[in-house]
Protein backbone atom coordinates (compact mmCIF):
# COMPACT_ATOMS: atom_id res chain seq x y z
CA MET A 1 118.60 85.17 97.20
CA ALA A 2 121.10 86.70 99.63
CA TYR A 3 120.90 90.36 100.61
CA THR A 4 124.00 92.36 99.78
CA LYS A 5 124.44 95.67 101.51
CA ILE A 6 126.23 98.18 99.29
CA GLU A 7 127.71 101.25 100.92
CA GLN A 8 130.41 103.61 99.76
CA TYR A 9 132.43 105.70 102.18
CA ASP A 10 135.72 107.53 102.07
CA GLU A 11 138.10 105.22 103.95
CA LYS A 12 140.34 108.05 105.12
CA VAL A 13 137.40 110.04 106.46
CA THR A 14 135.90 106.96 108.09
CA SER A 15 139.19 106.08 109.78
CA GLY A 16 139.69 109.59 111.14
CA LEU A 17 136.13 109.81 112.44
CA ILE A 18 136.39 106.41 114.13
CA GLU A 19 139.33 107.63 116.19
CA HIS A 20 137.51 110.80 117.17
CA TYR A 21 134.34 108.98 118.17
CA ARG A 22 136.30 106.38 120.19
CA GLY A 23 137.88 109.27 122.08
CA SER A 24 134.52 110.97 122.58
CA ILE A 25 132.96 107.80 124.01
CA GLY A 26 135.83 107.53 126.48
CA LEU A 27 135.56 111.20 127.46
CA LEU A 28 131.86 110.71 128.17
CA GLY A 29 132.78 108.09 130.78
CA GLU A 30 132.10 104.94 128.76
CA ASP A 31 134.39 102.11 127.74
CA PRO A 32 134.79 102.13 123.94
CA ASP A 33 135.97 98.52 124.15
CA ARG A 34 132.74 97.33 125.78
CA GLU A 35 131.01 94.75 123.58
CA GLY A 36 128.04 96.95 122.74
CA LEU A 37 130.26 99.90 121.84
CA VAL A 38 133.14 98.28 119.94
CA LYS A 39 131.60 98.94 116.53
CA THR A 40 129.80 102.15 117.49
CA PRO A 41 132.56 104.55 116.34
CA GLU A 42 132.53 102.99 112.87
CA ARG A 43 128.73 103.04 112.71
CA VAL A 44 128.63 106.70 113.71
CA ALA A 45 131.43 107.59 111.28
CA LYS A 46 129.42 106.10 108.42
CA ALA A 47 126.15 107.59 109.63
CA MET A 48 127.68 111.07 109.72
CA GLN A 49 129.00 110.70 106.19
CA PHE A 50 125.53 109.69 105.04
CA LEU A 51 123.87 112.57 106.88
CA THR A 52 126.30 115.09 105.38
CA GLN A 53 126.50 113.70 101.85
CA GLY A 54 125.15 117.01 100.55
CA TYR A 55 128.71 118.32 100.52
CA GLN A 56 129.39 115.92 97.64
CA ILE A 57 126.37 117.18 95.67
CA ASP A 58 126.12 120.31 93.54
CA PRO A 59 122.40 121.18 93.67
CA LYS A 60 122.71 123.38 90.59
CA VAL A 61 123.90 120.40 88.58
CA ILE A 62 120.75 118.62 89.75
CA LEU A 63 118.53 121.35 88.30
CA ASN A 64 120.54 121.48 85.08
CA SER A 65 120.24 117.73 84.57
CA ALA A 66 116.53 118.00 83.80
CA LYS A 67 116.00 121.53 82.57
CA PHE A 68 113.57 121.93 79.69
CA HIS A 69 111.46 124.55 77.92
CA GLU A 70 107.68 124.70 77.66
CA ASP A 71 105.50 127.39 76.15
CA VAL A 72 103.50 127.85 79.35
CA SER A 73 103.76 130.29 82.22
CA GLU A 74 101.68 128.73 84.96
CA MET A 75 102.70 128.33 88.57
CA VAL A 76 104.35 125.09 89.72
CA ILE A 77 104.13 123.99 93.35
CA VAL A 78 105.71 120.88 94.89
CA LYS A 79 104.53 120.41 98.48
CA ASP A 80 105.49 118.30 101.46
CA ILE A 81 109.03 117.38 100.44
CA GLU A 82 110.45 115.53 103.45
CA LEU A 83 113.79 116.75 104.71
CA TYR A 84 116.30 115.68 107.32
CA SER A 85 119.25 117.79 108.35
CA LEU A 86 121.73 118.40 111.16
CA CYS A 87 121.70 121.64 113.11
CA GLU A 88 125.19 123.10 112.89
CA HIS A 89 125.02 124.48 116.43
CA HIS A 90 124.56 121.15 118.26
CA MET A 91 124.84 118.60 115.43
CA LEU A 92 121.42 117.29 116.42
CA PRO A 93 118.85 116.46 113.75
CA PHE A 94 115.98 118.59 112.57
CA ASN A 95 113.36 117.34 110.17
CA GLY A 96 110.26 118.56 108.46
CA ILE A 97 108.85 119.42 105.07
CA ALA A 98 109.65 121.89 102.33
CA HIS A 99 107.29 123.50 99.82
CA ILE A 100 108.61 125.05 96.61
CA ALA A 101 106.63 127.26 94.25
CA TYR A 102 107.86 128.99 91.13
CA LEU A 103 106.39 130.94 88.25
CA PRO A 104 108.33 130.34 85.01
CA GLY A 105 109.65 133.42 83.27
CA SER A 106 109.80 134.38 79.61
CA THR A 107 112.54 131.78 79.12
CA GLY A 108 109.96 129.07 79.88
CA ARG A 109 112.50 127.09 81.88
CA PHE A 110 111.20 124.20 83.93
CA THR A 111 112.88 121.37 85.78
CA GLY A 112 111.75 117.84 86.55
CA LEU A 113 109.54 117.65 89.62
CA SER A 114 111.78 115.09 91.31
CA LYS A 115 114.70 117.48 90.91
CA LEU A 116 113.09 119.86 93.38
CA ALA A 117 113.13 117.11 96.01
CA ARG A 118 116.76 116.34 95.13
CA LEU A 119 117.59 120.03 95.42
CA VAL A 120 116.23 120.10 98.97
CA GLU A 121 118.14 116.89 99.73
CA GLY A 122 121.40 118.32 98.41
CA TYR A 123 121.28 121.33 100.69
CA SER A 124 119.71 119.66 103.73
CA ARG A 125 122.30 116.86 103.98
CA ARG A 126 124.85 119.27 105.43
CA LEU A 127 125.45 120.99 108.73
CA GLN A 128 122.74 123.61 108.45
CA VAL A 129 120.53 126.26 109.91
CA GLN A 130 116.98 126.27 108.63
CA GLU A 131 117.08 129.91 107.60
CA ARG A 132 120.09 129.40 105.31
CA LEU A 133 118.71 126.15 103.91
CA THR A 134 115.51 127.92 102.86
CA SER A 135 117.42 130.70 101.13
CA GLN A 136 119.83 128.31 99.39
CA VAL A 137 116.96 126.42 97.77
CA ALA A 138 115.31 129.65 96.62
CA ASP A 139 118.56 131.12 95.29
CA ALA A 140 119.39 127.98 93.32
CA MET A 141 115.93 128.00 91.74
CA GLN A 142 116.24 131.69 90.88
CA SER A 143 119.70 131.48 89.36
CA MET A 144 119.21 128.28 87.35
CA LEU A 145 115.64 128.66 86.07
CA GLU A 146 115.31 132.46 86.03
CA PRO A 147 111.63 132.36 86.97
CA VAL A 148 109.40 135.38 87.52
CA GLY A 149 109.15 134.36 91.15
CA VAL A 150 110.17 131.71 93.68
CA LEU A 151 108.73 131.01 97.11
CA VAL A 152 110.14 128.38 99.47
CA VAL A 153 108.62 127.47 102.82
CA ILE A 154 110.21 125.04 105.26
CA GLU A 155 108.48 123.76 108.41
CA ALA A 156 110.68 121.75 110.76
CA GLU A 157 111.03 120.46 114.29
CA HIS A 158 114.46 120.80 115.85
CA SER A 159 115.60 118.19 118.35
CA CYS A 160 117.94 120.77 119.90
CA MET A 161 114.71 122.40 121.15
CA SER A 162 112.73 119.25 121.85
CA ILE A 163 115.20 116.98 123.67
CA ARG A 164 117.57 119.51 125.26
CA GLY A 165 117.58 123.16 126.26
CA VAL A 166 114.01 124.43 126.45
CA ARG A 167 112.64 120.88 125.83
CA LYS A 168 109.45 121.76 123.98
CA PRO A 169 108.66 118.82 121.67
CA GLY A 170 106.25 119.50 118.84
CA THR A 171 107.41 123.09 118.37
CA LYS A 172 107.69 123.92 114.68
CA THR A 173 109.89 126.53 113.07
CA VAL A 174 108.65 128.01 109.79
CA THR A 175 110.98 129.88 107.44
CA THR A 176 110.31 131.44 104.06
CA ALA A 177 112.46 132.68 101.21
CA VAL A 178 110.77 134.85 98.61
CA ARG A 179 112.22 135.97 95.30
CA GLY A 180 110.95 138.00 92.35
CA ILE A 181 107.24 138.72 91.98
CA TYR A 182 106.38 136.87 95.17
CA ARG A 183 108.42 139.43 97.09
CA THR A 184 106.88 142.49 95.44
CA ASP A 185 103.30 141.38 94.73
CA SER A 186 101.41 140.59 97.94
CA SER A 187 98.39 139.12 96.13
CA ALA A 188 100.60 136.71 94.14
CA ARG A 189 102.36 135.72 97.36
CA ALA A 190 99.02 135.21 99.15
CA GLU A 191 97.81 132.96 96.32
CA VAL A 192 100.84 130.70 96.66
CA MET A 193 100.59 130.57 100.45
CA ALA A 194 96.91 129.62 100.18
CA PHE A 195 97.81 126.65 97.98
CA ILE A 196 100.59 125.60 100.36
CA GLN A 197 98.47 125.92 103.49
CA GLY A 198 95.41 124.28 101.95
CA ARG A 199 96.46 120.73 102.67
């Protein structure tokens, strides 16, 4: 059985990016017509569309697609959600893991567990800063599910710190976004953080 690669890209966007990347390669002192580089502008154009596909995704629609009610009010935590994003300052990748915890409110609104991972994906596949990404995930959870509390933690390594600038590989940045009871009740917040940190 033959392998068929299926990819979908906006032809107009791809064409425009190809021209820009050809020019960039030339400005960097390389020959864009060299054999090894001839197809590079197209590859990069498609890669960038893939890495920024979050602009085509409405994360709130993701949560709505699997929203349901249960007569329970226990905490839900999804840990170690892998994420990959592009730093908007240097357009270099950063990657890490996200943890999401929420305590359903009186509405009893839940969402499918996989939707939390898709929510992170929808916001991370954009030009981002980690601080905003963390808040966007928390705000979407708060507005769509109306829980008593939401806590989001993201731990990531930024290649703009590890391969350029200060060049400190292995350095992790940790950001948190806290909403509702987890902001006002330190014991509730400590309980969630203990679960997250207790890997």
